[in-house]
PDB file of N, CA and C in Angstrom:
ATOM      1  N   MET A   1       0.958  -1.235  -0.198  1.00  0.00           N
ATOM      2  CA  MET A   1      -0.139   0.020  -0.163  1.00  0.00           C
ATOM      3  C   MET A   1       0.852   1.088  -0.102  1.00  0.00           C
ATOM      4  N   ALA A   2       0.591   2.499  -0.908  1.00  0.00           N
ATOM      5  CA  ALA A   2       1.475   3.373  -0.988  1.00  0.00           C
ATOM      6  C   ALA A   2       1.163   4.336   0.225  1.00  0.00           C
ATOM      7  N   HIS A   3       2.100   4.981   0.465  1.00  0.00           N
ATOM      8  CA  HIS A   3       2.057   6.068   1.835  1.00  0.00           C
ATOM      9  C   HIS A   3       1.188   7.319   0.760  1.00  0.00           C
ATOM     10  N   PRO A   4       0.464   8.147   1.601  1.00  0.00           N
ATOM     11  CA  PRO A   4      -0.260   9.221   0.910  1.00  0.00           C
ATOM     12  C   PRO A   4       0.881  10.291   0.714  1.00  0.00           C
ATOM     13  N   THR A   5       0.812  11.251  -0.463  1.00  0.00           N
ATOM     14  CA  THR A   5       1.441  12.328  -0.850  1.00  0.00           C
ATOM     15  C   THR A   5       1.284  13.293   0.045  1.00  0.00           C
ATOM     16  N   LEU A   6       2.206  14.517   0.188  1.00  0.00           N
ATOM     17  CA  LEU A   6       2.350  15.651   0.747  1.00  0.00           C
ATOM     18  C   LEU A   6       0.533  16.162   0.431  1.00  0.00           C
ATOM     19  N   ASP A   7       0.627  16.227  -0.744  1.00  0.00           N
ATOM     20  CA  ASP A   7      -0.608  16.937  -1.513  1.00  0.00           C
ATOM     21  C   ASP A   7      -2.026  16.212  -0.776  1.00  0.00           C
ATOM     22  N   GLN A   8      -1.900  14.973  -0.608  1.00  0.00           N
ATOM     23  CA  GLN A   8      -2.942  14.399  -0.070  1.00  0.00           C
ATOM     24  C   GLN A   8      -3.428  14.664   1.483  1.00  0.00           C
ATOM     25  N   HIS A   9      -2.087  14.970   2.171  1.00  0.00           N
ATOM     26  CA  HIS A   9      -2.072  15.231   3.683  1.00  0.00           C
ATOM     27  C   HIS A   9      -2.645  16.453   3.615  1.00  0.00           C
ATOM     28  N   LYS A  10      -2.265  17.377   2.638  1.00  0.00           N
ATOM     29  CA  LYS A  10      -3.023  19.162   2.602  1.00  0.00           C
ATOM     30  C   LYS A  10      -4.596  18.880   2.471  1.00  0.00           C
ATOM     31  N   ALA A  11      -4.916  17.989   1.451  1.00  0.00           N
ATOM     32  CA  ALA A  11      -6.354  17.744   0.974  1.00  0.00           C
ATOM     33  C   ALA A  11      -7.106  17.308   2.207  1.00  0.00           C
ATOM     34  N   LEU A  12      -6.467  16.325   3.028  1.00  0.00           N
ATOM     35  CA  LEU A  12      -7.086  15.922   4.051  1.00  0.00           C
ATOM     36  C   LEU A  12      -7.356  16.932   5.149  1.00  0.00           C
ATOM     37  N   ALA A  13      -6.529  18.004   5.299  1.00  0.00           N
ATOM     38  CA  ALA A  13      -6.472  18.910   6.383  1.00  0.00           C
ATOM     39  C   ALA A  13      -7.951  19.949   6.091  1.00  0.00           C
ATOM     40  N   THR A  14      -8.279  20.180   4.625  1.00  0.00           N
ATOM     41  CA  THR A  14      -9.123  20.766   4.304  1.00  0.00           C
ATOM     42  C   THR A  14     -10.692  20.037   4.655  1.00  0.00           C
ATOM     43  N   LEU A  15     -10.795  18.776   4.673  1.00  0.00           N
ATOM     44  CA  LEU A  15     -11.740  17.991   5.012  1.00  0.00           C
ATOM     45  C   LEU A  15     -11.993  18.342   6.648  1.00  0.00           C
ATOM     46  N   VAL A  16     -11.102  18.342   7.632  1.00  0.00           N
ATOM     47  CA  VAL A  16     -11.399  18.448   9.009  1.00  0.00           C
ATOM     48  C   VAL A  16     -12.445  19.695   9.264  1.00  0.00           C
ATOM     49  N   GLY A  17     -12.485  20.861   8.574  1.00  0.00           N
ATOM     50  CA  GLY A  17     -13.340  21.915   8.900  1.00  0.00           C
ATOM     51  C   GLY A  17     -14.553  21.462   8.704  1.00  0.00           C
ATOM     52  N   ARG A  18     -15.036  20.405   7.906  1.00  0.00           N
ATOM     53  CA  ARG A  18     -16.311  20.274   7.699  1.00  0.00           C
ATOM     54  C   ARG A  18     -16.819  19.293   8.840  1.00  0.00           C
ATOM     55  N   GLY A  19     -16.314  18.843   9.417  1.00  0.00           N
ATOM     56  CA  GLY A  19     -16.929  17.812  10.627  1.00  0.00           C
ATOM     57  C   GLY A  19     -16.946  16.618  10.601  1.00  0.00           C
ATOM     58  N   PRO A  20     -16.873  15.680  11.659  1.00  0.00           N
ATOM     59  CA  PRO A  20     -16.808  14.280  11.226  1.00  0.00           C
ATOM     60  C   PRO A  20     -17.822  13.627  10.587  1.00  0.00           C
ATOM     61  N   ARG A  21     -18.829  13.927  10.657  1.00  0.00           N
ATOM     62  CA  ARG A  21     -20.169  13.294  10.112  1.00  0.00           C
ATOM     63  C   ARG A  21     -19.931  13.436   8.271  1.00  0.00           C
ATOM     64  N   THR A  22     -19.019  14.199   7.968  1.00  0.00           N
ATOM     65  CA  THR A  22     -18.880  14.449   6.354  1.00  0.00           C
ATOM     66  C   THR A  22     -18.410  13.183   5.803  1.00  0.00           C
ATOM     67  N   PRO A  23     -18.824  12.503   4.511  1.00  0.00           N
ATOM     68  CA  PRO A  23     -18.180  11.370   4.255  1.00  0.00           C
ATOM     69  C   PRO A  23     -16.704  11.486   3.973  1.00  0.00           C
ATOM     70  N   GLY A  24     -16.023  10.633   4.222  1.00  0.00           N
ATOM     71  CA  GLY A  24     -14.165  10.743   3.875  1.00  0.00           C
ATOM     72  C   GLY A  24     -13.727  11.644   5.132  1.00  0.00           C
ATOM     73  N   PHE A  25     -14.307  11.886   6.158  1.00  0.00           N
ATOM     74  CA  PHE A  25     -13.900  12.762   7.167  1.00  0.00           C
ATOM     75  C   PHE A  25     -12.742  12.013   8.004  1.00  0.00           C
ATOM     76  N   PRO A  26     -11.527  12.548   7.901  1.00  0.00           N
ATOM     77  CA  PRO A  26     -10.229  11.963   8.563  1.00  0.00           C
ATOM     78  C   PRO A  26     -10.269  11.379  10.122  1.00  0.00           C
ATOM     79  N   SER A  27      -9.962  10.151  10.263  1.00  0.00           N
ATOM     80  CA  SER A  27      -9.963   9.840  11.652  1.00  0.00           C
ATOM     81  C   SER A  27      -8.919  10.407  12.297  1.00  0.00           C
ATOM     82  N   PRO A  28      -8.904  10.163  13.728  1.00  0.00           N
ATOM     83  CA  PRO A  28      -7.852  10.759  14.772  1.00  0.00           C
ATOM     84  C   PRO A  28      -6.351  10.306  14.003  1.00  0.00           C
ATOM     85  N   ASP A  29      -6.349   8.869  13.755  1.00  0.00           N
ATOM     86  CA  ASP A  29      -5.104   8.498  12.947  1.00  0.00           C
ATOM     87  C   ASP A  29      -4.612   9.303  12.030  1.00  0.00           C
ATOM     88  N   GLN A  30      -5.447   9.276  10.870  1.00  0.00           N
ATOM     89  CA  GLN A  30      -5.015  10.018   9.805  1.00  0.00           C
ATOM     90  C   GLN A  30      -4.808  11.479  10.166  1.00  0.00           C
ATOM     91  N   ILE A  31      -5.437  12.118  11.062  1.00  0.00           N
ATOM     92  CA  ILE A  31      -4.682  13.502  11.262  1.00  0.00           C
ATOM     93  C   ILE A  31      -3.725  13.631  11.835  1.00  0.00           C
ATOM     94  N   ARG A  32      -3.085  12.460  12.834  1.00  0.00           N
ATOM     95  CA  ARG A  32      -2.032  12.541  13.427  1.00  0.00           C
ATOM     96  C   ARG A  32      -0.962  12.174  12.248  1.00  0.00           C
ATOM     97  N   MET A  33      -1.017  11.264  11.397  1.00  0.00           N
ATOM     98  CA  MET A  33      -0.234  10.932  10.318  1.00  0.00           C
ATOM     99  C   MET A  33       0.032  11.882   9.563  1.00  0.00           C
ATOM    100  N   SER A  34      -0.919  12.899   9.227  1.00  0.00           N
ATOM    101  CA  SER A  34      -1.008  13.936   8.423  1.00  0.00           C
ATOM    102  C   SER A  34       0.082  14.957   8.864  1.00  0.00           C
ATOM    103  N   ILE A  35      -0.284  15.381  10.471  1.00  0.00           N
ATOM    104  CA  ILE A  35       0.543  16.475  10.840  1.00  0.00           C
ATOM    105  C   ILE A  35       1.766  15.897  10.835  1.00  0.00           C
ATOM    106  N   GLN A  36       2.240  14.521  11.213  1.00  0.00           N
ATOM    107  CA  GLN A  36       3.751  14.073  10.990  1.00  0.00           C
ATOM    108  C   GLN A  36       4.362  14.435   9.841  1.00  0.00           C
ATOM    109  N   GLN A  37       3.825  14.223   8.775  1.00  0.00           N
ATOM    110  CA  GLN A  37       4.132  14.245   7.259  1.00  0.00           C
ATOM    111  C   GLN A  37       4.331  15.676   7.082  1.00  0.00           C
ATOM    112  N   LEU A  38       3.406  16.649   7.623  1.00  0.00           N
ATOM    113  CA  LEU A  38       3.547  17.903   7.072  1.00  0.00           C
ATOM    114  C   LEU A  38       4.580  18.623   7.937  1.00  0.00           C
ATOM    115  N   VAL A  39       4.919  18.218   9.282  1.00  0.00           N
ATOM    116  CA  VAL A  39       6.166  18.759   9.994  1.00  0.00           C
ATOM    117  C   VAL A  39       7.438  18.205   9.524  1.00  0.00           C
ATOM    118  N   THR A  40       7.472  16.776   9.096  1.00  0.00           N
ATOM    119  CA  THR A  40       8.439  16.246   8.213  1.00  0.00           C
ATOM    120  C   THR A  40       8.857  17.035   6.890  1.00  0.00           C
ATOM    121  N   SER A  41       7.692  17.599   6.089  1.00  0.00           N
ATOM    122  CA  SER A  41       7.870  18.440   5.055  1.00  0.00           C
ATOM    123  C   SER A  41       8.206  19.794   5.147  1.00  0.00           C
ATOM    124  N   ASP A  42       8.298  20.239   6.603  1.00  0.00           N
ATOM    125  CA  ASP A  42       8.544  21.524   7.141  1.00  0.00           C
ATOM    126  C   ASP A  42       7.382  22.531   6.773  1.00  0.00           C
ATOM    127  N   GLU A  43       6.265  21.882   6.736  1.00  0.00           N
ATOM    128  CA  GLU A  43       4.938  22.783   6.658  1.00  0.00           C
ATOM    129  C   GLU A  43       4.400  22.880   7.921  1.00  0.00           C
ATOM    130  N   ILE A  44       5.049  23.607   8.781  1.00  0.00           N
ATOM    131  CA  ILE A  44       4.616  23.403  10.400  1.00  0.00           C
ATOM    132  C   ILE A  44       3.249  24.526  10.124  1.00  0.00           C
ATOM    133  N   ASP A  45       3.144  25.707   9.566  1.00  0.00           N
ATOM    134  CA  ASP A  45       1.826  26.175   9.675  1.00  0.00           C
ATOM    135  C   ASP A  45       0.768  25.540   9.420  1.00  0.00           C
ATOM    136  N   GLU A  46       0.707  24.585   8.223  1.00  0.00           N
ATOM    137  CA  GLU A  46      -0.209  23.950   7.974  1.00  0.00           C
ATOM    138  C   GLU A  46      -0.498  22.780   8.966  1.00  0.00           C
ATOM    139  N   ALA A  47       0.673  22.266   9.458  1.00  0.00           N
ATOM    140  CA  ALA A  47       0.403  21.092  10.556  1.00  0.00           C
ATOM    141  C   ALA A  47      -0.273  21.895  11.855  1.00  0.00           C
ATOM    142  N   LYS A  48       0.273  23.027  12.210  1.00  0.00           N
ATOM    143  CA  LYS A  48      -0.614  23.742  13.381  1.00  0.00           C
ATOM    144  C   LYS A  48      -2.084  23.795  13.050  1.00  0.00           C
ATOM    145  N   GLN A  49      -2.575  24.218  11.750  1.00  0.00           N
ATOM    146  CA  GLN A  49      -3.766  24.634  11.554  1.00  0.00           C
ATOM    147  C   GLN A  49      -4.465  23.229  11.527  1.00  0.00           C
ATOM    148  N   LEU A  50      -4.004  22.053  11.227  1.00  0.00           N
ATOM    149  CA  LEU A  50      -4.566  20.832  11.305  1.00  0.00           C
ATOM    150  C   LEU A  50      -5.043  20.339  12.699  1.00  0.00           C
ATOM    151  N   ALA A  51      -3.693  20.736  13.612  1.00  0.00           N
ATOM    152  CA  ALA A  51      -3.900  20.230  14.965  1.00  0.00           C
ATOM    153  C   ALA A  51      -4.841  21.029  15.576  1.00  0.00           C
ATOM    154  N   ASP A  52      -5.072  22.246  15.383  1.00  0.00           N
ATOM    155  CA  ASP A  52      -6.077  22.857  16.155  1.00  0.00           C
ATOM    156  C   ASP A  52      -7.353  22.438  15.627  1.00  0.00           C
ATOM    157  N   GLU A  53      -7.465  22.086  14.330  1.00  0.00           N
ATOM    158  CA  GLU A  53      -8.800  21.540  14.087  1.00  0.00           C
ATOM    159  C   GLU A  53      -8.993  20.297  14.409  1.00  0.00           C
ATOM    160  N   GLY A  54      -7.997  19.427  14.402  1.00  0.00           N
ATOM    161  CA  GLY A  54      -8.184  18.320  14.963  1.00  0.00           C
ATOM    162  C   GLY A  54      -8.578  18.165  16.374  1.00  0.00           C
ATOM    163  N   LEU A  55      -8.142  19.306  17.024  1.00  0.00           N
ATOM    164  CA  LEU A  55      -8.428  19.321  18.917  1.00  0.00           C
ATOM    165  C   LEU A  55      -9.836  19.623  18.923  1.00  0.00           C
ATOM    166  N   GLU A  56     -10.396  20.419  17.816  1.00  0.00           N
ATOM    167  CA  GLU A  56     -11.480  20.907  17.925  1.00  0.00           C
ATOM    168  C   GLU A  56     -12.733  19.690  17.860  1.00  0.00           C
ATOM    169  N   VAL A  57     -12.405  18.633  16.846  1.00  0.00           N
ATOM    170  CA  VAL A  57     -13.255  17.813  16.629  1.00  0.00           C
ATOM    171  C   VAL A  57     -13.054  16.379  17.421  1.00  0.00           C
ATOM    172  N   TYR A  58     -11.714  15.982  17.903  1.00  0.00           N
ATOM    173  CA  TYR A  58     -11.354  14.947  18.899  1.00  0.00           C
ATOM    174  C   TYR A  58     -10.578  15.698  20.166  1.00  0.00           C
ATOM    175  N   PRO A  59     -11.394  16.485  20.748  1.00  0.00           N
ATOM    176  CA  PRO A  59     -10.393  16.937  22.106  1.00  0.00           C
ATOM    177  C   PRO A  59      -9.806  16.004  22.947  1.00  0.00           C
ATOM    178  N   ASP A  60     -10.019  14.862  23.094  1.00  0.00           N
ATOM    179  CA  ASP A  60      -9.602  13.835  23.987  1.00  0.00           C
ATOM    180  C   ASP A  60      -9.017  12.711  23.376  1.00  0.00           C
ATOM    181  N   ASN A  61      -8.637  13.003  22.134  1.00  0.00           N
ATOM    182  CA  ASN A  61      -7.963  11.860  21.562  1.00  0.00           C
ATOM    183  C   ASN A  61      -6.358  11.722  21.784  1.00  0.00           C
ATOM    184  N   GLU A  62      -6.125  10.618  22.009  1.00  0.00           N
ATOM    185  CA  GLU A  62      -4.614  10.616  22.913  1.00  0.00           C
ATOM    186  C   GLU A  62      -3.624  10.990  21.691  1.00  0.00           C
ATOM    187  N   GLY A  63      -3.865  10.540  20.534  1.00  0.00           N
ATOM    188  CA  GLY A  63      -3.026  10.361  19.257  1.00  0.00           C
ATOM    189  C   GLY A  63      -2.989  12.032  18.856  1.00  0.00           C
ATOM    190  N   VAL A  64      -4.062  12.484  18.782  1.00  0.00           N
ATOM    191  CA  VAL A  64      -4.092  13.894  18.675  1.00  0.00           C
ATOM    192  C   VAL A  64      -3.596  15.093  19.619  1.00  0.00           C
ATOM    193  N   LEU A  65      -4.026  14.644  20.791  1.00  0.00           N
ATOM    194  CA  LEU A  65      -3.208  15.486  21.771  1.00  0.00           C
ATOM    195  C   LEU A  65      -1.676  15.180  22.123  1.00  0.00           C
ATOM    196  N   ALA A  66      -1.236  13.895  21.683  1.00  0.00           N
ATOM    197  CA  ALA A  66       0.439  13.642  21.948  1.00  0.00           C
ATOM    198  C   ALA A  66       0.761  14.494  20.624  1.00  0.00           C
ATOM    199  N   ILE A  67       0.566  14.526  19.405  1.00  0.00           N
ATOM    200  CA  ILE A  67       1.123  15.002  18.198  1.00  0.00           C
ATOM    201  C   ILE A  67       0.952  16.650  18.484  1.00  0.00           C
ATOM    202  N   SER A  68      -0.184  17.202  18.786  1.00  0.00           N
ATOM    203  CA  SER A  68      -0.216  18.552  18.750  1.00  0.00           C
ATOM    204  C   SER A  68       0.674  19.053  19.916  1.00  0.00           C
ATOM    205  N   GLY A  69       0.657  18.268  20.926  1.00  0.00           N
ATOM    206  CA  GLY A  69       1.653  18.718  22.175  1.00  0.00           C
ATOM    207  C   GLY A  69       3.141  18.825  21.534  1.00  0.00           C
ATOM    208  N   LEU A  70       3.560  17.612  20.878  1.00  0.00           N
ATOM    209  CA  LEU A  70       4.857  17.850  20.364  1.00  0.00           C
ATOM    210  C   LEU A  70       5.124  18.808  19.175  1.00  0.00           C
ATOM    211  N   LEU A  71       4.138  19.124  18.315  1.00  0.00           N
ATOM    212  CA  LEU A  71       4.204  20.122  17.436  1.00  0.00           C
ATOM    213  C   LEU A  71       4.461  21.531  18.221  1.00  0.00           C
ATOM    214  N   ALA A  72       3.655  21.749  19.140  1.00  0.00           N
ATOM    215  CA  ALA A  72       3.668  22.858  19.992  1.00  0.00           C
ATOM    216  C   ALA A  72       4.986  23.094  20.496  1.00  0.00           C
ATOM    217  N   MET A  73       5.621  21.926  21.075  1.00  0.00           N
ATOM    218  CA  MET A  73       7.151  22.220  21.510  1.00  0.00           C
ATOM    219  C   MET A  73       8.159  22.304  20.158  1.00  0.00           C
ATOM    220  N   VAL A  74       7.790  21.655  18.978  1.00  0.00           N
ATOM    221  CA  VAL A  74       8.635  22.092  17.858  1.00  0.00           C
ATOM    222  C   VAL A  74       8.541  23.627  17.804  1.00  0.00           C
ATOM    223  N   ARG A  75       7.397  24.193  17.848  1.00  0.00           N
ATOM    224  CA  ARG A  75       6.956  25.616  17.591  1.00  0.00           C
ATOM    225  C   ARG A  75       7.636  26.521  18.713  1.00  0.00           C
ATOM    226  N   ASN A  76       8.278  25.844  19.781  1.00  0.00           N
ATOM    227  CA  ASN A  76       8.469  26.631  20.805  1.00  0.00           C
ATOM    228  C   ASN A  76       7.467  27.419  21.658  1.00  0.00           C
ATOM    229  N   ASP A  77       6.357  26.542  21.706  1.00  0.00           N
ATOM    230  CA  ASP A  77       4.889  27.260  22.137  1.00  0.00           C
ATOM    231  C   ASP A  77       4.785  26.589  23.462  1.00  0.00           C
ATOM    232  N   TRP A  78       5.765  26.795  24.279  1.00  0.00           N
ATOM    233  CA  TRP A  78       5.755  26.215  25.815  1.00  0.00           C
ATOM    234  C   TRP A  78       4.471  26.105  26.594  1.00  0.00           C
ATOM    235  N   VAL A  79       3.590  27.147  26.578  1.00  0.00           N
ATOM    236  CA  VAL A  79       2.470  27.306  27.184  1.00  0.00           C
ATOM    237  C   VAL A  79       1.369  26.426  26.807  1.00  0.00           C
ATOM    238  N   ASN A  80       1.218  26.215  25.325  1.00  0.00           N
ATOM    239  CA  ASN A  80       0.226  25.559  24.732  1.00  0.00           C
ATOM    240  C   ASN A  80       0.712  24.011  24.787  1.00  0.00           C
ATOM    241  N   ALA A  81       2.252  23.848  24.914  1.00  0.00           N
ATOM    242  CA  ALA A  81       2.548  22.257  24.677  1.00  0.00           C
ATOM    243  C   ALA A  81       2.365  21.792  26.449  1.00  0.00           C
ATOM    244  N   GLU A  82       2.590  22.640  27.453  1.00  0.00           N
ATOM    245  CA  GLU A  82       2.178  22.300  28.632  1.00  0.00           C
ATOM    246  C   GLU A  82       0.814  21.917  28.918  1.00  0.00           C
ATOM    247  N   GLY A  83       0.005  22.756  28.564  1.00  0.00           N
ATOM    248  CA  GLY A  83      -1.630  22.479  28.447  1.00  0.00           C
ATOM    249  C   GLY A  83      -1.900  21.162  27.714  1.00  0.00           C
ATOM    250  N   LEU A  84      -1.285  20.800  26.582  1.00  0.00           N
ATOM    251  CA  LEU A  84      -1.607  19.955  25.805  1.00  0.00           C
ATOM    252  C   LEU A  84      -1.151  18.529  26.422  1.00  0.00           C
ATOM    253  N   LEU A  85       0.079  18.681  26.742  1.00  0.00           N
ATOM    254  CA  LEU A  85       0.540  17.295  27.446  1.00  0.00           C
ATOM    255  C   LEU A  85      -0.092  17.033  28.591  1.00  0.00           C
ATOM    256  N   ARG A  86      -0.453  18.010  29.515  1.00  0.00           N
ATOM    257  CA  ARG A  86      -0.940  18.105  30.786  1.00  0.00           C
ATOM    258  C   ARG A  86      -2.683  17.428  30.654  1.00  0.00           C
ATOM    259  N   ARG A  87      -3.295  17.868  29.453  1.00  0.00           N
ATOM    260  CA  ARG A  87      -4.587  17.279  28.960  1.00  0.00           C
ATOM    261  C   ARG A  87      -4.135  15.774  28.725  1.00  0.00           C
ATOM    262  N   LEU A  88      -3.076  15.601  28.017  1.00  0.00           N
ATOM    263  CA  LEU A  88      -2.771  14.283  27.669  1.00  0.00           C
ATOM    264  C   LEU A  88      -2.712  13.213  29.022  1.00  0.00           C
ATOM    265  N   LEU A  89      -1.815  13.865  29.774  1.00  0.00           N
ATOM    266  CA  LEU A  89      -1.707  12.892  31.116  1.00  0.00           C
ATOM    267  C   LEU A  89      -2.939  12.770  31.824  1.00  0.00           C
ATOM    268  N   GLU A  90      -3.997  13.741  31.743  1.00  0.00           N
ATOM    269  CA  GLU A  90      -5.067  13.403  32.424  1.00  0.00           C
ATOM    270  C   GLU A  90      -6.123  12.492  31.720  1.00  0.00           C
ATOM    271  N   VAL A  91      -5.942  12.424  30.371  1.00  0.00           N
ATOM    272  CA  VAL A  91      -6.763  11.310  29.455  1.00  0.00           C
ATOM    273  C   VAL A  91      -6.187  10.097  29.717  1.00  0.00           C
ATOM    274  N   GLN A  92      -4.606   9.874  29.942  1.00  0.00           N
ATOM    275  CA  GLN A  92      -4.107   8.706  29.940  1.00  0.00           C
ATOM    276  C   GLN A  92      -4.356   8.016  31.149  1.00  0.00           C
ATOM    277  N   GLY A  93      -4.173   8.941  32.326  1.00  0.00           N
ATOM    278  CA  GLY A  93      -4.174   8.560  33.597  1.00  0.00           C
ATOM    279  C   GLY A  93      -3.021   7.644  34.085  1.00  0.00           C
ATOM    280  N   ASP A  94      -3.332   6.546  34.774  1.00  0.00           N
ATOM    281  CA  ASP A  94      -2.161   5.721  34.916  1.00  0.00           C
ATOM    282  C   ASP A  94      -1.268   5.022  33.962  1.00  0.00           C
ATOM    283  N   ARG A  95      -2.290   4.949  32.345  1.00  0.00           N
ATOM    284  CA  ARG A  95      -1.463   4.491  31.356  1.00  0.00           C
ATOM    285  C   ARG A  95      -0.655   5.631  30.842  1.00  0.00           C
ATOM    286  N   ALA A  96      -0.250   6.408  31.317  1.00  0.00           N
ATOM    287  CA  ALA A  96       0.483   7.519  30.781  1.00  0.00           C
ATOM    288  C   ALA A  96       2.012   6.824  30.680  1.00  0.00           C
ATOM    289  N   SER A  97       2.763   7.002  29.678  1.00  0.00           N
ATOM    290  CA  SER A  97       4.085   6.546  29.581  1.00  0.00           C
ATOM    291  C   SER A  97       5.030   7.665  30.314  1.00  0.00           C
ATOM    292  N   ASP A  98       6.473   6.985  30.536  1.00  0.00           N
ATOM    293  CA  ASP A  98       7.358   7.738  30.956  1.00  0.00           C
ATOM    294  C   ASP A  98       7.890   8.923  30.070  1.00  0.00           C
ATOM    295  N   TYR A  99       7.511   8.706  28.714  1.00  0.00           N
ATOM    296  CA  TYR A  99       8.050   9.620  27.661  1.00  0.00           C
ATOM    297  C   TYR A  99       7.120  10.811  27.966  1.00  0.00           C
ATOM    298  N   THR A 100       5.933  10.453  27.798  1.00  0.00           N
ATOM    299  CA  THR A 100       4.804  11.704  27.923  1.00  0.00           C
ATOM    300  C   THR A 100       5.099  12.521  29.079  1.00  0.00           C
ATOM    301  N   ARG A 101       5.473  11.799  30.400  1.00  0.00           N
ATOM    302  CA  ARG A 101       5.552  12.774  31.574  1.00  0.00           C
ATOM    303  C   ARG A 101       6.892  13.305  31.415  1.00  0.00           C
ATOM    304  N   MET A 102       8.100  12.963  30.487  1.00  0.00           N
ATOM    305  CA  MET A 102       9.174  13.366  30.337  1.00  0.00           C
ATOM    306  C   MET A 102       8.945  14.894  29.423  1.00  0.00           C
ATOM    307  N   MET A 103       7.958  14.665  28.443  1.00  0.00           N
ATOM    308  CA  MET A 103       7.969  15.882  27.489  1.00  0.00           C
ATOM    309  C   MET A 103       7.112  16.589  28.484  1.00  0.00           C
ATOM    310  N   TYR A 104       6.073  16.515  29.512  1.00  0.00           N
ATOM    311  CA  TYR A 104       5.380  17.246  30.119  1.00  0.00           C
ATOM    312  C   TYR A 104       6.460  18.096  31.116  1.00  0.00           C
ATOM    313  N   GLU A 105       6.878  17.472  31.797  1.00  0.00           N
ATOM    314  CA  GLU A 105       8.144  18.382  32.344  1.00  0.00           C
ATOM    315  C   GLU A 105       9.059  19.023  31.766  1.00  0.00           C
ATOM    316  N   ARG A 106       9.423  18.525  30.857  1.00  0.00           N
ATOM    317  CA  ARG A 106      10.387  19.584  29.830  1.00  0.00           C
ATOM    318  C   ARG A 106       9.189  20.854  29.600  1.00  0.00           C
ATOM    319  N   ALA A 107       7.988  20.798  28.888  1.00  0.00           N
ATOM    320  CA  ALA A 107       7.233  21.836  28.380  1.00  0.00           C
ATOM    321  C   ALA A 107       7.169  22.666  29.767  1.00  0.00           C
ATOM    322  N   GLN A 108       6.846  22.184  31.097  1.00  0.00           N
ATOM    323  CA  GLN A 108       6.751  22.666  32.382  1.00  0.00           C
ATOM    324  C   GLN A 108       7.950  23.563  32.602  1.00  0.00           C
ATOM    325  N   GLN A 109       9.203  22.874  32.450  1.00  0.00           N
ATOM    326  CA  GLN A 109      10.429  23.755  32.849  1.00  0.00           C
ATOM    327  C   GLN A 109      10.564  25.003  31.816  1.00  0.00           C
ATOM    328  N   CYS A 110      10.479  24.742  30.423  1.00  0.00           N
ATOM    329  CA  CYS A 110      10.635  25.845  29.438  1.00  0.00           C
ATOM    330  C   CYS A 110       9.504  27.030  29.705  1.00  0.00           C
ATOM    331  N   CYS A 111       8.098  26.458  29.768  1.00  0.00           N
ATOM    332  CA  CYS A 111       7.198  27.462  30.058  1.00  0.00           C
ATOM    333  C   CYS A 111       7.576  28.281  31.393  1.00  0.00           C
ATOM    334  N   ASN A 112       7.991  27.783  32.514  1.00  0.00           N
ATOM    335  CA  ASN A 112       8.670  28.387  33.783  1.00  0.00           C
ATOM    336  C   ASN A 112       9.638  29.287  33.495  1.00  0.00           C
ATOM    337  N   GLU A 113      10.774  28.992  32.521  1.00  0.00           N
ATOM    338  CA  GLU A 113      11.808  29.624  32.085  1.00  0.00           C
ATOM    339  C   GLU A 113      11.138  31.072  31.405  1.00  0.00           C
ATOM    340  N   LEU A 114      10.322  30.702  30.323  1.00  0.00           N
ATOM    341  CA  LEU A 114       9.708  31.865  29.678  1.00  0.00           C
ATOM    342  C   LEU A 114       9.018  32.895  30.679  1.00  0.00           C
ATOM    343  N   LEU A 115       8.513  32.413  31.728  1.00  0.00           N
ATOM    344  CA  LEU A 115       7.591  33.092  32.613  1.00  0.00           C
ATOM    345  C   LEU A 115       8.838  34.217  33.402  1.00  0.00           C
ATOM    346  N   ARG A 116       9.993  33.470  33.808  1.00  0.00           N
ATOM    347  CA  ARG A 116      10.983  34.341  34.648  1.00  0.00           C
ATOM    348  C   ARG A 116      11.952  35.315  33.441  1.00  0.00           C
ATOM    349  N   THR A 117      11.615  35.213  32.381  1.00  0.00           N
ATOM    350  CA  THR A 117      12.165  36.250  31.292  1.00  0.00           C
ATOM    351  C   THR A 117      11.693  37.530  31.254  1.00  0.00           C
ATOM    352  N   PRO A 118      12.536  38.591  31.786  1.00  0.00           N
ATOM    353  CA  PRO A 118      11.972  39.699  31.865  1.00  0.00           C
ATOM    354  C   PRO A 118      11.719  40.512  30.434  1.00  0.00           C
ATOM    355  N   GLY A 119      10.388  40.832  30.110  1.00  0.00           N
ATOM    356  CA  GLY A 119       9.905  41.506  29.111  1.00  0.00           C
ATOM    357  C   GLY A 119       9.288  40.545  28.250  1.00  0.00           C
ATOM    358  N   ILE A 120       9.178  39.322  28.595  1.00  0.00           N
ATOM    359  CA  ILE A 120       8.568  38.371  27.458  1.00  0.00           C
ATOM    360  C   ILE A 120       7.299  38.092  28.226  1.00  0.00           C
ATOM    361  N   GLU A 121       6.281  37.801  27.581  1.00  0.00           N
ATOM    362  CA  GLU A 121       5.086  37.255  27.891  1.00  0.00           C
ATOM    363  C   GLU A 121       4.684  36.038  27.150  1.00  0.00           C
ATOM    364  N   PRO A 122       4.303  35.201  27.685  1.00  0.00           N
ATOM    365  CA  PRO A 122       3.903  33.852  27.054  1.00  0.00           C
ATOM    366  C   PRO A 122       2.696  33.923  26.051  1.00  0.00           C
TER     367      PRO A 122
END
């Protein structure tokens, strides 16, 4: 089976705004994979848009929360990363991995450093 092209990932992003009842609407896994591909192709703004829209439709999906949190870290958006990863930990509860906890702690540290930097607002 062939992997989707970048254009297919971008086309998928246009479906997200239509809602989950639209025929062909992407699953959380499709959204996650498309965000990964967009980031790999350095299409960060498109990935961010897809992540935001994916979170609107699937706010408690672990895959969408995880990739959105990692994307926020790539973008150095520490406040958003901390919030998304905190929500992921809440959703996962006792099933949360050490990696998820480590990424959350990293986002917290960077967010705290940002708050201590004079003249910088989160």
